[in-house]
Amino acid sequence: MSQSNHPGGKDAGSIPRVLISADRSSSGKTTISMGLMAALVSRGYKVQPFKVALDYIDPSYHTEITGRFCRNLDGYLMDEHGILDVYTHACETGGGADIAIIEGVRGLFEGFESLSDVGSTAQIAKILKCPVVFVINARSITRSAAALIGGYKNFDPDVEIAGVILNNIGGRRHAQKAKEAIEHYTGVPVLGIIPRDPSMQISMRHLGLMPALEGRRRFGDGGFENRLHGIEEIINKGIDVDRFLGIAESAKPLTALENSIFSPAVNENSQKPKIGVALDEAFNFYYRDNIDLLEIAGAEIVYFSPVNDPGLPEVDGLYIGGGYPELFAAELEANETMRKSIKEASAAGMPIYAECGGLMYLTEKISTGVPGKGTYHDASMPESTYSMVGALPGHTIMGQTRVVSYNIGTLARDCPIGKKGNSFKGHEFHHSEILEIPDDAEFAIALTRGTGIRGDRDGLIVNNTIGSYAHLHGVAYRELAGSLVEAARKFRDSRVSS
């Protein structure tokens, strides 16, 4: 494959692509994906990363390694056109990509239902006509690995398992027996052998891996880079990268896409409203497509840090995404000027949209280490209560509550993210609950699936400020970007006229 600088290079449908999957979670596919991306970047390739499903943390590493924003692909939230649209847009931005690497989620066939592949990695592989490299955690198995590959290969012949990587190998004899069995019984080539090595581990957090942004803060730039370089070295030594590239090149061409949601807006010459996006170690859970769609809808994005900045920049609206405000609650509380400026903006009617961690930050306070509420792994927090913004009522309690679910909702009223009656599919993933909400509190979202904030309600709303546990993707809920930009434009115009 040529290592082009991609000026006017291949279109997205014809670039090499490969999907990395496994039989289950904790197989090592994330770390192996990271190492392969790093190895290809070191060779001069422009690697476009993707993650199946709606995780934020694995993509943060993929983005860090490749220098290109990782994109999420979800077959439950998105229709086939939406998946192809996200794929095409990602591969064509930034001068274009040379290769696409897609990391799967959980096992290859795990999805929304037991009798279909909706929401699964396999569904994405079929939509994108993508060969699969299959990672096996081969600890304590040799010949059985062949039975595993044979079963996965025959389960759905429309999914092409083109290569295998054996992870967690104990020694040379272990590797030889497993490799011989797989290739003899299944005909699938073994591309790599990864030994058991503690340096292949990345720190865990209660929602998954530690985000890359925080990893840099914890280990320092040098320490963080050393960990990634160590993984890359293991991959280069253990995997035949050239054979991996050959599998990527075998992907069949995709049909050109029409009517993209990422087409530029027609009113580009009008004055752009400014939308402030919270981005720091406490708030960094964003789908890059949402940011792109806000810009396409006419917004100018202005980043700010609720942890470190003294106050809001000059903006006409706010988007505060998810993250770990509970782990940085002391810093967020200490930044009184920022909390005050956000509360004042809310009281003035500025459109503010907050998801999950952002919702928690906008409530009156957050309590951590609450007795009887338990803890979650590798996320020790002191027993304490911290003052937050107070733009929304309620007391956020961290604890054993663990919600991981798709959700389906309808807007019960007009708000900054759409009109009454708009419906969406989203997801929620949190370890908190919000208590002490007044009986007369208003909610903008009625859920038919999911947990939300209270009962079947989500989208706590005061003035033009809405906070929800629902995370939304702008390709699945297409009114999101345009509605928020229009609300910001109206707020700006109202201030100018007054």
Protein backbone atom coordinates (compact mmCIF):
# COMPACT_ATOMS: atom_id res chain seq x y z
CA MET A 1 0.00 0.00 0.00
CA SER A 2 1.40 3.41 -0.89
CA GLN A 3 2.14 5.81 1.93
CA SER A 4 0.55 8.84 0.30
CA ASN A 5 0.19 12.31 1.71
CA HIS A 6 -3.35 11.97 0.36
CA PRO A 7 -3.77 15.15 -1.72
CA GLY A 8 -6.66 14.08 -3.91
CA GLY A 9 -5.99 10.44 -2.95
CA LYS A 10 -8.41 7.55 -2.73
CA ASP A 11 -12.03 8.20 -1.83
CA ALA A 12 -13.34 6.85 1.46
CA GLY A 13 -15.05 3.87 -0.11
CA SER A 14 -11.85 2.44 -1.56
CA ILE A 15 -9.26 2.96 1.16
CA PRO A 16 -8.04 -0.16 2.99
CA ARG A 17 -9.95 -0.95 6.17
CA VAL A 18 -9.99 -3.62 8.83
CA LEU A 19 -12.06 -4.33 11.93
CA ILE A 20 -10.48 -5.71 15.12
CA SER A 21 -12.84 -7.85 17.18
CA ALA A 22 -12.78 -10.64 19.75
CA ASP A 23 -14.88 -13.32 21.38
CA ARG A 24 -15.58 -11.18 24.45
CA SER A 25 -14.59 -8.11 26.46
CA SER A 26 -11.19 -8.05 28.20
CA SER A 27 -9.57 -9.93 25.34
CA GLY A 28 -6.98 -7.21 24.79
CA LYS A 29 -8.44 -5.85 21.55
CA THR A 30 -8.31 -2.22 22.74
CA THR A 31 -4.61 -2.32 23.58
CA ILE A 32 -3.79 -4.29 20.44
CA SER A 33 -5.79 -1.81 18.35
CA MET A 34 -3.87 1.05 19.94
CA GLY A 35 -0.54 -0.63 19.23
CA LEU A 36 -1.40 -1.34 15.61
CA MET A 37 -2.54 2.25 15.08
CA ALA A 38 0.69 3.53 16.61
CA ALA A 39 2.79 1.17 14.49
CA LEU A 40 1.10 2.35 11.29
CA VAL A 41 1.39 6.02 12.23
CA SER A 42 5.13 5.46 12.82
CA ARG A 43 5.33 4.06 9.28
CA GLY A 44 3.81 7.24 7.91
CA TYR A 45 0.21 6.17 7.41
CA LYS A 46 -2.72 8.48 8.04
CA VAL A 47 -4.88 6.20 10.17
CA GLN A 48 -8.58 6.93 10.64
CA PRO A 49 -9.82 5.25 13.83
CA PHE A 50 -13.35 4.12 14.64
CA LYS A 51 -15.01 2.51 17.66
CA VAL A 52 -18.11 0.33 17.46
CA ALA A 53 -20.83 1.42 19.93
CA LEU A 54 -20.93 4.54 22.06
CA ASP A 55 -17.85 4.42 24.29
CA TYR A 56 -15.94 7.68 24.78
CA ILE A 57 -12.74 6.46 26.42
CA ASP A 58 -11.24 4.02 23.92
CA PRO A 59 -11.73 6.68 21.20
CA SER A 60 -9.77 9.20 23.27
CA TYR A 61 -6.72 6.95 22.95
CA HIS A 62 -7.29 6.32 19.27
CA THR A 63 -7.47 10.07 18.68
CA GLU A 64 -4.35 10.66 20.75
CA ILE A 65 -2.36 8.06 18.83
CA THR A 66 -3.45 8.82 15.28
CA GLY A 67 -3.93 12.58 15.41
CA ARG A 68 -7.33 12.06 13.75
CA PHE A 69 -10.61 12.19 15.67
CA CYS A 70 -11.98 8.73 16.35
CA ARG A 71 -15.63 8.28 15.35
CA ASN A 72 -18.30 6.02 16.84
CA LEU A 73 -20.42 3.62 14.80
CA ASP A 74 -23.56 2.16 16.37
CA GLY A 75 -25.99 -0.02 14.45
CA TYR A 76 -28.83 0.39 16.94
CA LEU A 77 -28.81 4.18 17.04
CA MET A 78 -27.80 4.73 13.42
CA ASP A 79 -29.31 3.37 10.23
CA GLU A 80 -27.09 1.99 7.48
CA HIS A 81 -26.94 5.34 5.70
CA GLY A 82 -25.88 7.04 8.93
CA ILE A 83 -23.08 4.52 9.52
CA LEU A 84 -21.78 4.96 5.99
CA ASP A 85 -22.11 8.73 6.37
CA VAL A 86 -20.03 8.83 9.55
CA TYR A 87 -17.45 6.51 8.00
CA THR A 88 -17.16 8.51 4.78
CA HIS A 89 -17.01 11.89 6.53
CA ALA A 90 -14.29 10.71 8.92
CA CYS A 91 -12.12 9.23 6.19
CA GLU A 92 -12.38 12.30 3.96
CA THR A 93 -11.67 15.02 6.54
CA GLY A 94 -8.20 16.28 7.37
CA GLY A 95 -6.84 15.65 3.89
CA GLY A 96 -8.14 12.10 3.83
CA ALA A 97 -6.96 8.86 5.40
CA ASP A 98 -4.75 6.06 4.07
CA ILE A 99 -6.34 3.29 6.13
CA ALA A 100 -9.29 2.86 8.51
CA ILE A 101 -9.03 0.75 11.65
CA ILE A 102 -12.25 -0.06 13.50
CA GLU A 103 -12.17 -1.41 17.04
CA GLY A 104 -15.15 -3.60 17.88
CA VAL A 105 -17.12 -3.78 21.12
CA ARG A 106 -17.47 -6.81 23.42
CA GLY A 107 -17.77 -10.08 21.48
CA LEU A 108 -18.15 -10.04 17.71
CA PHE A 109 -21.84 -10.96 17.77
CA GLU A 110 -22.98 -9.21 20.98
CA GLY A 111 -25.69 -6.68 20.19
CA PHE A 112 -29.07 -5.34 21.15
CA GLU A 113 -30.96 -8.59 20.56
CA SER A 114 -30.31 -12.31 20.90
CA LEU A 115 -31.65 -13.28 17.47
CA SER A 116 -30.27 -10.49 15.26
CA ASP A 117 -26.97 -8.67 14.84
CA VAL A 118 -28.45 -5.19 15.43
CA GLY A 119 -26.04 -3.10 17.46
CA SER A 120 -23.19 -5.60 17.11
CA THR A 121 -19.66 -5.43 15.75
CA ALA A 122 -20.68 -8.03 13.15
CA GLN A 123 -23.38 -5.68 11.82
CA ILE A 124 -20.80 -2.92 11.28
CA ALA A 125 -18.41 -5.37 9.57
CA LYS A 126 -21.13 -6.32 7.09
CA ILE A 127 -22.31 -2.76 6.40
CA LEU A 128 -18.75 -1.60 5.75
CA LYS A 129 -17.72 -4.81 3.91
CA CYS A 130 -14.85 -5.00 6.34
CA PRO A 131 -12.56 -8.00 6.95
CA VAL A 132 -12.18 -8.92 10.62
CA VAL A 133 -9.00 -9.61 12.54
CA PHE A 134 -10.00 -11.66 15.56
CA VAL A 135 -8.22 -11.35 18.92
CA ILE A 136 -8.28 -14.35 21.26
CA ASN A 137 -7.29 -14.25 24.90
CA ALA A 138 -5.49 -17.58 24.60
CA ARG A 139 -4.50 -17.95 28.22
CA SER A 140 -4.70 -21.69 29.10
CA ILE A 141 -6.04 -22.81 25.71
CA THR A 142 -4.33 -24.22 22.61
CA ARG A 143 -6.34 -26.61 20.42
CA SER A 144 -9.57 -25.20 21.82
CA ALA A 145 -8.66 -21.91 20.15
CA ALA A 146 -9.29 -23.61 16.80
CA ALA A 147 -12.77 -24.67 17.91
CA LEU A 148 -13.43 -21.09 18.99
CA ILE A 149 -12.38 -19.63 15.64
CA GLY A 150 -14.26 -22.33 13.74
CA GLY A 151 -17.44 -21.58 15.63
CA TYR A 152 -17.21 -17.84 15.06
CA LYS A 153 -16.29 -18.30 11.40
CA ASN A 154 -19.29 -20.56 10.71
CA PHE A 155 -21.83 -18.69 12.83
CA ASP A 156 -22.34 -16.00 10.18
CA PRO A 157 -20.55 -16.67 6.86
CA ASP A 158 -21.26 -13.08 5.77
CA VAL A 159 -18.71 -11.91 8.36
CA GLU A 160 -15.20 -12.48 7.00
CA ILE A 161 -12.76 -13.52 9.73
CA ALA A 162 -9.52 -12.93 7.83
CA GLY A 163 -6.86 -13.27 10.53
CA VAL A 164 -6.24 -14.10 14.18
CA ILE A 165 -4.08 -12.51 16.88
CA LEU A 166 -3.32 -14.69 19.90
CA ASN A 167 -3.06 -12.65 23.10
CA ASN A 168 -1.83 -13.59 26.58
CA ILE A 169 0.49 -16.34 25.34
CA GLY A 170 2.60 -18.04 28.01
CA GLY A 171 5.50 -19.28 25.92
CA ARG A 172 6.79 -20.63 22.62
CA ARG A 173 5.21 -24.08 22.93
CA HIS A 174 1.84 -22.54 23.87
CA ALA A 175 2.00 -20.27 20.83
CA GLN A 176 3.03 -23.05 18.43
CA LYS A 177 0.24 -25.45 19.43
CA ALA A 178 -2.50 -22.80 19.25
CA LYS A 179 -1.26 -21.43 15.92
CA GLU A 180 -0.97 -24.87 14.31
CA ALA A 181 -4.44 -25.88 15.45
CA ILE A 182 -6.13 -22.69 14.23
CA GLU A 183 -4.51 -22.70 10.81
CA HIS A 184 -4.99 -26.46 10.28
CA TYR A 185 -8.65 -26.69 11.31
CA THR A 186 -9.98 -23.31 10.15
CA GLY A 187 -7.65 -22.07 7.42
CA VAL A 188 -7.52 -18.65 9.08
CA PRO A 189 -3.95 -17.31 9.33
CA VAL A 190 -2.50 -16.33 12.71
CA LEU A 191 -1.00 -12.87 12.22
CA GLY A 192 0.50 -12.37 15.63
CA ILE A 193 1.45 -13.72 19.03
CA ILE A 194 1.29 -11.34 22.00
CA PRO A 195 2.94 -12.58 25.21
CA ARG A 196 1.63 -12.00 28.69
CA ASP A 197 3.05 -8.63 29.64
CA PRO A 198 1.84 -6.20 32.33
CA SER A 199 2.96 -3.23 30.22
CA MET A 200 0.06 -4.04 27.88
CA GLN A 201 -2.37 -2.85 30.55
CA ILE A 202 -3.84 0.65 30.61
CA SER A 203 -5.24 2.09 33.84
CA MET A 204 -8.92 1.35 34.47
CA ARG A 205 -11.66 3.67 35.64
CA HIS A 206 -15.25 2.98 36.69
CA LEU A 207 -16.58 3.66 33.18
CA GLY A 208 -13.73 1.78 31.46
CA LEU A 209 -10.23 2.93 30.65
CA MET A 210 -8.85 6.20 31.98
CA PRO A 211 -9.36 8.91 29.32
CA ALA A 212 -6.23 9.88 27.41
CA LEU A 213 -6.49 13.51 28.55
CA GLU A 214 -6.36 12.42 32.18
CA GLY A 215 -3.67 9.85 31.43
CA ARG A 216 -1.37 12.64 30.37
CA ARG A 217 -2.15 14.55 33.55
CA ARG A 218 -1.54 11.51 35.79
CA PHE A 219 1.61 10.11 34.17
CA GLY A 220 2.98 13.29 32.60
CA ASP A 221 3.63 13.62 28.88
CA GLY A 222 6.83 11.56 29.08
CA GLY A 223 5.38 8.73 31.14
CA PHE A 224 2.27 8.57 29.01
CA GLU A 225 4.27 8.46 25.77
CA ASN A 226 6.53 5.77 27.22
CA ARG A 227 3.56 3.52 27.96
CA LEU A 228 2.21 3.93 24.44
CA HIS A 229 5.65 3.36 22.88
CA GLY A 230 6.05 0.21 24.96
CA ILE A 231 2.78 -1.16 23.60
CA GLU A 232 3.81 -0.26 20.05
CA GLU A 233 7.10 -2.15 20.45
CA ILE A 234 5.29 -5.28 21.64
CA ILE A 235 2.93 -5.09 18.66
CA ASN A 236 5.76 -4.60 16.15
CA LYS A 237 7.60 -7.57 17.59
CA GLY A 238 4.60 -9.88 17.89
CA ILE A 239 2.39 -9.08 14.87
CA ASP A 240 3.12 -9.32 11.14
CA VAL A 241 2.05 -5.77 10.33
CA ASP A 242 2.53 -6.27 6.58
CA ARG A 243 0.06 -9.21 6.58
CA PHE A 244 -2.32 -7.07 8.63
CA LEU A 245 -2.08 -4.38 5.93
CA GLY A 246 -2.72 -6.98 3.26
CA ILE A 247 -5.98 -7.95 4.97
CA ALA A 248 -7.00 -4.28 5.13
CA GLU A 249 -6.29 -3.91 1.41
CA SER A 250 -8.60 -6.84 0.62
CA ALA A 251 -11.72 -4.89 1.73
CA LYS A 252 -14.24 -4.56 -1.08
CA PRO A 253 -15.12 -1.04 -2.34
CA LEU A 254 -18.10 0.77 -0.85
CA THR A 255 -20.76 2.49 -2.93
CA ALA A 256 -20.49 6.27 -3.02
CA LEU A 257 -22.86 8.01 -0.60
CA GLU A 258 -25.38 10.72 -1.42
CA ASN A 259 -27.28 13.20 0.78
CA SER A 260 -24.76 13.46 3.59
CA ILE A 261 -25.76 15.08 6.89
CA PHE A 262 -22.24 16.54 6.89
CA SER A 263 -22.89 18.69 3.81
CA PRO A 264 -22.05 22.35 4.54
CA ALA A 265 -24.88 24.65 5.62
CA VAL A 266 -26.18 27.14 3.07
CA ASN A 267 -26.07 30.17 5.40
CA GLU A 268 -22.30 30.15 5.82
CA ASN A 269 -22.00 33.90 5.36
CA SER A 270 -24.25 34.84 8.27
CA GLN A 271 -22.64 35.81 11.55
CA LYS A 272 -21.93 32.66 13.52
CA PRO A 273 -23.21 32.24 17.06
CA LYS A 274 -20.52 31.09 19.47
CA ILE A 275 -21.08 27.88 21.41
CA GLY A 276 -18.82 27.23 24.37
CA VAL A 277 -17.81 23.58 24.77
CA ALA A 278 -16.46 22.48 28.16
CA LEU A 279 -13.25 20.52 27.61
CA ASP A 280 -10.77 19.50 30.31
CA GLU A 281 -9.91 16.57 32.57
CA ALA A 282 -13.40 16.66 34.13
CA PHE A 283 -15.43 17.01 30.91
CA ASN A 284 -14.24 15.28 27.75
CA PHE A 285 -16.97 12.85 26.66
CA TYR A 286 -17.99 14.16 23.24
CA TYR A 287 -18.73 12.55 19.92
CA ARG A 288 -16.60 14.46 17.44
CA ASP A 289 -19.43 14.22 14.92
CA ASN A 290 -21.56 16.38 17.25
CA ILE A 291 -18.90 19.11 17.21
CA ASP A 292 -18.61 18.89 13.42
CA LEU A 293 -22.38 19.08 13.03
CA LEU A 294 -22.57 22.15 15.27
CA GLU A 295 -20.01 23.85 13.04
CA ILE A 296 -21.81 22.73 9.88
CA ALA A 297 -25.05 24.14 11.34
CA GLY A 298 -23.32 27.51 11.62
CA ALA A 299 -21.69 27.65 15.06
CA GLU A 300 -18.25 28.83 16.03
CA ILE A 301 -16.89 26.49 18.73
CA VAL A 302 -15.08 28.05 21.68
CA TYR A 303 -13.52 25.61 24.17
CA PHE A 304 -13.26 26.41 27.86
CA SER A 305 -12.32 24.62 31.09
CA PRO A 306 -14.67 24.57 34.09
CA VAL A 307 -11.73 23.33 36.16
CA ASN A 308 -9.07 25.85 35.14
CA ASP A 309 -10.61 28.97 33.54
CA PRO A 310 -11.79 31.87 35.74
CA GLY A 311 -15.04 32.35 33.86
CA LEU A 312 -16.95 31.79 30.64
CA PRO A 313 -15.62 33.13 27.35
CA GLU A 314 -17.85 35.35 25.23
CA VAL A 315 -20.38 32.83 23.94
CA ASP A 316 -24.06 32.57 23.00
CA GLY A 317 -24.66 29.02 24.20
CA LEU A 318 -23.01 26.19 26.13
CA TYR A 319 -22.51 22.46 25.60
CA ILE A 320 -21.21 20.65 28.71
CA GLY A 321 -20.55 17.01 27.97
CA GLY A 322 -19.98 13.99 30.15
CA GLY A 323 -16.89 13.01 32.07
CA TYR A 324 -15.81 12.64 35.67
CA PRO A 325 -16.88 15.74 37.60
CA GLU A 326 -17.03 13.61 40.78
CA LEU A 327 -13.28 12.96 40.59
CA PHE A 328 -12.52 16.65 40.16
CA ALA A 329 -15.30 17.92 42.42
CA ALA A 330 -12.89 19.73 44.76
CA GLU A 331 -11.35 21.66 41.85
CA LEU A 332 -14.74 22.44 40.35
CA GLU A 333 -16.04 23.69 43.72
CA ALA A 334 -12.92 25.82 44.25
CA ASN A 335 -13.47 27.59 40.92
CA GLU A 336 -16.25 29.79 42.27
CA THR A 337 -15.96 32.42 39.54
CA MET A 338 -16.64 29.84 36.83
CA ARG A 339 -19.60 28.36 38.70
CA LYS A 340 -21.02 31.84 39.22
CA SER A 341 -20.60 32.84 35.57
CA ILE A 342 -22.41 29.71 34.34
CA LYS A 343 -25.27 30.23 36.81
CA GLU A 344 -25.62 33.85 35.72
CA ALA A 345 -25.63 32.82 32.04
CA SER A 346 -28.36 30.30 32.79
CA ALA A 347 -30.44 32.89 34.65
CA ALA A 348 -30.06 35.25 31.69
CA GLY A 349 -31.63 32.65 29.40
CA MET A 350 -28.52 31.45 27.57
CA PRO A 351 -29.20 28.04 25.95
CA ILE A 352 -27.20 25.45 27.88
CA TYR A 353 -27.17 21.75 27.04
CA ALA A 354 -25.51 19.36 29.52
CA GLU A 355 -25.12 15.58 29.27
CA CYS A 356 -24.58 13.28 32.26
CA GLY A 357 -21.41 14.68 33.87
CA GLY A 358 -22.48 18.13 32.70
CA LEU A 359 -25.89 17.58 34.28
CA MET A 360 -24.22 16.62 37.57
CA TYR A 361 -22.09 19.78 37.47
CA LEU A 362 -25.15 21.98 36.93
CA THR A 363 -26.97 20.59 40.00
CA GLU A 364 -26.59 22.20 43.42
CA LYS A 365 -24.05 19.78 44.87
CA ILE A 366 -22.27 16.45 44.44
CA SER A 367 -21.70 13.98 47.28
CA THR A 368 -19.00 11.32 47.03
CA GLY A 369 -18.08 8.41 49.29
CA VAL A 370 -21.61 8.32 50.71
CA PRO A 371 -21.90 5.65 53.46
CA GLY A 372 -23.97 2.69 52.31
CA LYS A 373 -23.71 3.68 48.67
CA GLY A 374 -20.58 1.64 48.04
CA THR A 375 -17.68 2.38 45.73
CA TYR A 376 -16.63 1.32 42.27
CA HIS A 377 -13.29 -0.11 41.27
CA ASP A 378 -10.24 2.11 40.99
CA ALA A 379 -12.21 5.26 41.64
CA SER A 380 -11.72 5.93 45.33
CA MET A 381 -13.31 9.18 46.43
CA PRO A 382 -13.44 10.79 49.87
CA GLU A 383 -16.64 11.12 51.84
CA SER A 384 -17.53 14.71 51.10
CA THR A 385 -20.08 17.07 49.57
CA TYR A 386 -19.10 19.76 47.08
CA SER A 387 -21.01 22.81 45.85
CA MET A 388 -21.64 22.88 42.12
CA VAL A 389 -23.22 25.44 39.76
CA GLY A 390 -26.82 25.31 41.03
CA ALA A 391 -28.38 26.21 37.68
CA LEU A 392 -30.51 23.06 38.06
CA PRO A 393 -32.10 21.78 41.27
CA GLY A 394 -31.01 18.55 42.90
CA HIS A 395 -28.27 16.79 44.83
CA THR A 396 -26.08 14.36 42.88
CA ILE A 397 -25.14 11.23 44.85
CA MET A 398 -22.35 8.96 43.69
CA GLY A 399 -22.69 5.28 44.58
CA GLN A 400 -23.51 1.77 43.53
CA THR A 401 -26.12 2.89 41.02
CA ARG A 402 -24.90 1.69 37.64
CA VAL A 403 -27.00 2.41 34.59
CA VAL A 404 -25.85 1.18 31.18
CA SER A 405 -28.60 1.26 28.61
CA TYR A 406 -29.88 2.57 25.34
CA ASN A 407 -32.73 4.98 25.85
CA ILE A 408 -35.61 6.21 23.71
CA GLY A 409 -37.27 9.52 24.39
CA THR A 410 -39.55 12.26 23.13
CA LEU A 411 -39.27 15.96 23.83
CA ALA A 412 -42.22 16.95 26.02
CA ARG A 413 -41.69 20.66 25.32
CA ASP A 414 -39.68 23.02 23.16
CA CYS A 415 -36.11 23.37 24.45
CA PRO A 416 -32.60 24.14 23.17
CA ILE A 417 -32.20 20.66 21.62
CA GLY A 418 -35.44 20.54 19.65
CA LYS A 419 -39.17 20.98 19.37
CA LYS A 420 -41.91 19.29 21.34
CA GLY A 421 -42.65 15.90 19.80
CA ASN A 422 -39.12 15.27 18.48
CA SER A 423 -38.03 11.72 19.32
CA PHE A 424 -34.58 10.21 19.70
CA LYS A 425 -32.56 7.11 20.46
CA GLY A 426 -29.63 7.69 22.80
CA HIS A 427 -27.82 5.98 25.63
CA GLU A 428 -26.99 6.49 29.30
CA PHE A 429 -24.05 5.28 31.35
CA HIS A 430 -23.63 6.55 34.89
CA HIS A 431 -22.93 5.71 38.52
CA SER A 432 -24.93 8.54 40.05
CA GLU A 433 -28.48 9.51 40.92
CA ILE A 434 -30.03 12.92 41.52
CA LEU A 435 -32.09 13.36 44.67
CA GLU A 436 -33.81 16.27 46.43
CA ILE A 437 -35.49 17.46 43.24
CA PRO A 438 -38.52 19.68 43.97
CA ASP A 439 -41.91 18.20 43.17
CA ASP A 440 -42.63 21.02 40.73
CA ALA A 441 -39.37 20.57 38.78
CA GLU A 442 -39.84 20.50 35.02
CA PHE A 443 -38.52 17.85 32.63
CA ALA A 444 -38.19 18.23 28.88
CA ILE A 445 -37.84 14.54 28.01
CA ALA A 446 -40.31 11.65 28.41
CA LEU A 447 -38.64 8.26 28.13
CA THR A 448 -40.17 5.05 26.82
CA ARG A 449 -36.89 3.21 27.42
CA GLY A 450 -34.15 4.00 29.92
CA THR A 451 -33.78 5.23 33.49
CA GLY A 452 -33.45 9.01 33.22
CA ILE A 453 -33.48 11.31 36.23
CA ARG A 454 -36.82 10.57 37.89
CA GLY A 455 -39.36 7.96 36.86
CA ASP A 456 -39.65 8.06 33.10
CA ARG A 457 -38.46 11.67 32.97
CA ASP A 458 -35.13 13.09 31.85
CA GLY A 459 -33.97 16.49 30.68
CA LEU A 460 -34.26 18.57 33.85
CA ILE A 461 -34.91 22.10 32.61
CA VAL A 462 -34.80 25.62 34.08
CA ASN A 463 -35.04 28.68 31.81
CA ASN A 464 -33.09 27.65 28.71
CA THR A 465 -30.83 25.20 30.57
CA ILE A 466 -31.41 21.48 30.05
CA GLY A 467 -29.44 18.65 31.63
CA SER A 468 -29.99 14.96 30.92
CA TYR A 469 -28.50 11.57 31.58
CA ALA A 470 -29.20 10.78 27.93
CA HIS A 471 -26.20 11.07 25.63
CA LEU A 472 -27.21 11.98 22.07
CA HIS A 473 -25.38 11.46 18.80
CA GLY A 474 -26.15 14.02 16.12
CA VAL A 475 -26.35 11.44 13.32
CA ALA A 476 -28.95 9.42 15.23
CA TYR A 477 -30.86 12.49 16.48
CA ARG A 478 -30.51 14.90 13.61
CA GLU A 479 -32.28 17.86 15.18
CA LEU A 480 -29.63 18.22 17.90
CA ALA A 481 -27.04 20.43 16.23
CA GLY A 482 -29.37 22.71 14.29
CA SER A 483 -31.65 23.26 17.28
CA LEU A 484 -28.81 24.19 19.64
CA VAL A 485 -27.23 26.53 17.08
CA GLU A 486 -30.57 28.22 16.37
CA ALA A 487 -31.20 28.68 20.10
CA ALA A 488 -27.75 30.28 20.46
CA ARG A 489 -28.41 32.55 17.49
CA LYS A 490 -31.73 33.71 18.96
CA PHE A 491 -30.10 34.38 22.33
CA ARG A 492 -27.35 36.41 20.69
CA ASP A 493 -29.84 38.42 18.64
CA SER A 494 -31.97 39.12 21.71
CA ARG A 495 -28.97 40.53 23.54
CA VAL A 496 -28.01 42.68 20.57
CA SER A 497 -31.51 44.12 20.21
CA SER A 498 -31.88 44.82 23.94
